[in-house]
Protein backbone atom coordinates (compact mmCIF):
# COMPACT_ATOMS: atom_id res chain seq x y z
CA UNK A 1 21.62 37.53 4.33
CA UNK A 2 20.18 38.51 7.73
CA UNK A 3 22.32 41.64 7.75
CA UNK A 4 21.20 42.60 4.23
CA UNK A 5 17.56 42.19 5.31
CA UNK A 6 18.26 44.29 8.39
CA UNK A 7 19.77 47.07 6.26
CA UNK A 8 16.73 47.04 3.95
CA UNK A 9 14.34 47.14 6.89
CA UNK A 10 16.11 50.14 8.43
CA UNK A 11 15.89 52.29 5.29
CA UNK A 12 13.80 55.33 6.16
CA UNK A 13 12.12 55.41 2.75
CA UNK A 14 11.03 51.78 2.84
CA UNK A 15 7.26 51.72 3.26
CA UNK A 16 6.05 48.65 1.38
CA UNK A 17 8.35 45.77 2.22
CA UNK A 18 7.13 42.57 3.85
CA UNK A 19 9.73 40.09 5.03
CA UNK A 20 8.75 36.61 6.17
CA UNK A 21 11.39 34.58 8.01
CA UNK A 22 10.75 30.99 9.00
CA UNK A 23 12.57 28.36 10.99
CA UNK A 24 11.80 25.02 12.55
CA UNK A 25 12.37 24.82 16.33
CA UNK A 26 15.19 22.48 17.25
CA UNK A 27 17.12 22.97 13.99
CA UNK A 28 20.59 24.51 13.87
CA UNK A 29 19.64 27.87 12.33
CA UNK A 30 16.85 28.50 14.84
CA UNK A 31 19.13 29.94 17.54
CA UNK A 32 20.80 32.45 15.21
CA UNK A 33 17.43 33.52 13.82
CA UNK A 34 15.95 33.94 17.29
CA UNK A 35 18.91 36.14 18.36
CA UNK A 36 18.47 38.25 15.23
CA UNK A 37 14.71 38.57 15.82
CA UNK A 38 15.37 39.76 19.39
CA UNK A 39 17.69 42.45 18.03
CA UNK A 40 15.07 43.45 15.45
CA UNK A 41 12.42 43.64 18.15
CA UNK A 42 14.39 46.44 19.82
CA UNK A 43 14.21 48.53 16.62
CA UNK A 44 11.24 50.70 15.59
CA UNK A 45 10.10 48.13 13.02
CA UNK A 46 6.61 46.58 13.22
CA UNK A 47 7.09 42.86 13.68
CA UNK A 48 4.82 39.93 14.43
CA UNK A 49 5.91 36.42 15.44
CA UNK A 50 3.57 33.53 14.66
CA UNK A 51 4.13 30.06 16.05
CA UNK A 52 2.64 27.52 13.68
CA UNK A 53 1.65 24.10 14.89
CA UNK A 54 -0.14 21.16 13.37
CA UNK A 55 -3.39 21.74 11.49
CA UNK A 56 -6.69 21.10 13.22
CA UNK A 57 -8.83 18.26 11.86
CA UNK A 58 -11.14 20.74 10.15
CA UNK A 59 -8.18 22.35 8.37
CA UNK A 60 -6.79 18.99 7.26
CA UNK A 61 -10.22 18.02 5.97
CA UNK A 62 -10.65 21.34 4.13
CA UNK A 63 -7.19 20.92 2.58
CA UNK A 64 -7.99 17.40 1.35
CA UNK A 65 -11.43 18.43 0.09
CA UNK A 66 -9.91 21.24 -1.96
CA UNK A 67 -7.04 19.12 -3.34
CA UNK A 68 -9.36 16.25 -4.28
CA UNK A 69 -12.21 18.52 -5.49
CA UNK A 70 -14.66 16.77 -3.18
CA UNK A 71 -17.17 17.92 -0.60
CA UNK A 72 -15.74 18.15 2.94
CA UNK A 73 -18.24 15.49 4.09
CA UNK A 74 -16.77 13.05 1.54
CA UNK A 75 -13.21 13.51 2.80
CA UNK A 76 -13.85 13.27 6.57
CA UNK A 77 -12.82 9.62 6.82
CA UNK A 78 -9.69 10.25 4.72
CA UNK A 79 -8.80 13.31 6.81
CA UNK A 80 -9.12 11.24 9.99
CA UNK A 81 -6.94 8.44 8.61
CA UNK A 82 -4.26 10.69 7.09
CA UNK A 83 -4.37 12.99 10.12
CA UNK A 84 -3.54 10.07 12.44
CA UNK A 85 -0.63 9.01 10.24
CA UNK A 86 0.80 12.53 9.81
CA UNK A 87 -0.15 14.30 13.06
CA UNK A 88 -1.83 16.87 10.76
CA UNK A 89 1.54 18.21 9.58
CA UNK A 90 0.95 19.91 6.17
CA UNK A 91 4.24 18.68 4.66
CA UNK A 92 3.52 15.12 5.76
CA UNK A 93 -0.07 15.34 4.46
CA UNK A 94 1.23 16.34 1.04
CA UNK A 95 3.84 13.57 1.05
CA UNK A 96 1.23 11.07 2.22
CA UNK A 97 -1.15 12.01 -0.61
CA UNK A 98 1.65 11.58 -3.15
CA UNK A 99 2.53 8.22 -1.58
CA UNK A 100 -1.10 7.04 -1.84
CA UNK A 101 -1.43 8.29 -5.41
CA UNK A 102 1.82 6.65 -6.56
CA UNK A 103 0.58 3.30 -5.23
CA UNK A 104 -2.84 3.67 -6.85
CA UNK A 105 -4.63 3.88 -3.48
CA UNK A 106 -6.08 7.24 -4.50
CA UNK A 107 -7.10 7.35 -8.15
CA UNK A 108 -9.00 9.56 -10.52
CA UNK A 109 -12.03 7.88 -12.12
CA UNK A 110 -13.58 9.67 -15.09
CA UNK A 111 -17.08 10.83 -14.20
CA UNK A 112 -16.59 10.18 -10.45
CA UNK A 113 -13.51 12.23 -9.60
CA UNK A 114 -10.96 11.17 -7.00
CA UNK A 115 -11.78 7.91 -5.24
CA UNK A 116 -10.13 5.69 -2.65
CA UNK A 117 -10.72 2.37 -0.98
CA UNK A 118 -10.98 2.94 2.77
CA UNK A 119 -9.79 -0.57 3.65
CA UNK A 120 -6.68 -0.28 1.44
CA UNK A 121 -5.78 3.16 2.78
CA UNK A 122 -6.34 2.09 6.40
CA UNK A 123 -4.11 -0.97 5.97
CA UNK A 124 -1.03 0.75 4.58
CA UNK A 125 1.94 0.54 6.88
CA UNK A 126 3.85 3.79 6.96
CA UNK A 127 5.68 5.59 9.71
CA UNK A 128 4.75 9.03 10.95
CA UNK A 129 8.04 10.53 9.86
CA UNK A 130 8.47 12.25 6.49
CA UNK A 131 11.84 10.57 6.09
CA UNK A 132 10.11 7.18 5.95
CA UNK A 133 7.72 8.44 3.27
CA UNK A 134 10.64 9.82 1.26
CA UNK A 135 12.56 6.55 1.79
CA UNK A 136 9.64 4.64 0.28
CA UNK A 137 9.89 6.92 -2.79
CA UNK A 138 13.60 6.21 -3.09
CA UNK A 139 12.94 2.46 -3.07
CA UNK A 140 11.10 2.68 -6.40
CA UNK A 141 13.50 5.03 -8.24
CA UNK A 142 15.12 4.05 -11.52
CA UNK A 143 18.73 2.81 -11.04
CA UNK A 144 20.24 6.00 -12.52
CA UNK A 145 18.11 8.22 -10.28
CA UNK A 146 19.05 6.16 -7.22
CA UNK A 147 22.77 6.30 -8.10
CA UNK A 148 22.77 10.11 -8.49
CA UNK A 149 20.76 10.55 -5.30
CA UNK A 150 23.12 8.25 -3.38
CA UNK A 151 26.18 10.23 -4.53
CA UNK A 152 24.43 13.57 -3.93
CA UNK A 153 23.54 12.60 -0.38
CA UNK A 154 27.18 12.59 0.69
CA UNK A 155 27.87 16.03 -0.83
CA UNK A 156 25.60 17.92 1.56
CA UNK A 157 22.09 19.37 1.67
CA UNK A 158 22.77 21.76 -1.23
CA UNK A 159 24.11 20.32 -4.49
CA UNK A 160 26.50 22.15 -6.76
CA UNK A 161 25.81 20.77 -10.25
CA UNK A 162 29.41 21.11 -11.47
CA UNK A 163 30.74 19.23 -8.45
CA UNK A 164 28.12 16.54 -8.97
CA UNK A 165 29.10 16.27 -12.67
CA UNK A 166 32.73 15.73 -11.64
CA UNK A 167 31.94 13.19 -8.93
CA UNK A 168 29.36 11.24 -10.97
CA UNK A 169 31.52 11.26 -14.10
CA UNK A 170 28.52 12.02 -16.31
CA UNK A 171 27.78 14.56 -19.01
CA UNK A 172 26.11 17.71 -17.67
CA UNK A 173 22.92 17.50 -19.83
CA UNK A 174 22.22 13.88 -18.79
CA UNK A 175 22.87 14.66 -15.14
CA UNK A 176 20.57 17.70 -15.29
CA UNK A 177 17.82 15.50 -16.74
CA UNK A 178 18.22 13.09 -13.81
CA UNK A 179 18.18 15.96 -11.29
CA UNK A 180 15.03 17.38 -12.88
CA UNK A 181 13.37 13.96 -12.72
CA UNK A 182 14.25 13.79 -9.01
CA UNK A 183 12.66 17.23 -8.65
CA UNK A 184 9.47 15.88 -10.24
CA UNK A 185 9.58 13.00 -7.73
CA UNK A 186 9.53 15.60 -4.93
CA UNK A 187 12.98 14.66 -3.59
CA UNK A 188 14.98 17.68 -4.79
CA UNK A 189 14.13 21.30 -5.47
CA UNK A 190 16.06 23.88 -7.53
CA UNK A 191 17.85 26.64 -5.63
CA UNK A 192 20.35 29.41 -6.39
CA UNK A 193 23.33 27.12 -5.80
CA UNK A 194 21.91 24.29 -7.94
CA UNK A 195 19.60 21.85 -6.21
CA UNK A 196 18.84 21.00 -2.62
CA UNK A 197 17.12 18.17 -0.82
CA UNK A 198 13.45 18.82 -0.02
CA UNK A 199 13.90 17.43 3.50
């Protein structure tokens, strides 16, 4: 796909194409992408590289205030607490909010909006790694969801539905329903090949 993108970028008549490529430092594809970016940098193509880090406290607070439809002053304590537990990583913040909501620690009260109990939120024990948050979601899955996820986990990061049907020994419509429910849980996401793990 990198070579296709390169060919598109080099077309002389291409004047309104924006390509955004992302990678996480330390992951396997990062080296290949960096080498490709270095080659692209030598071409007459305008390019900008942005290194994204953790959010600042103000950004975390603004994100929470917008999500919870509250004033930024109201969410300062929550932003501090969640920021400490997630190192202000946007993916972890999202997963943390879902974790709190699923356990009823953040709830919507008619006439008041989103509320939370500071003591309850402060006392929750959760690691700083997204894998631990996702593991806590897996612990409360229905048996059928857990079984499909367990089998899928040994097939690789990307799941071919037909292969999964064969391995699970289930009918395709029922298996698709389970996969879609796992998507709603935030554990899988659809992709061209079928489904893939979110993390």
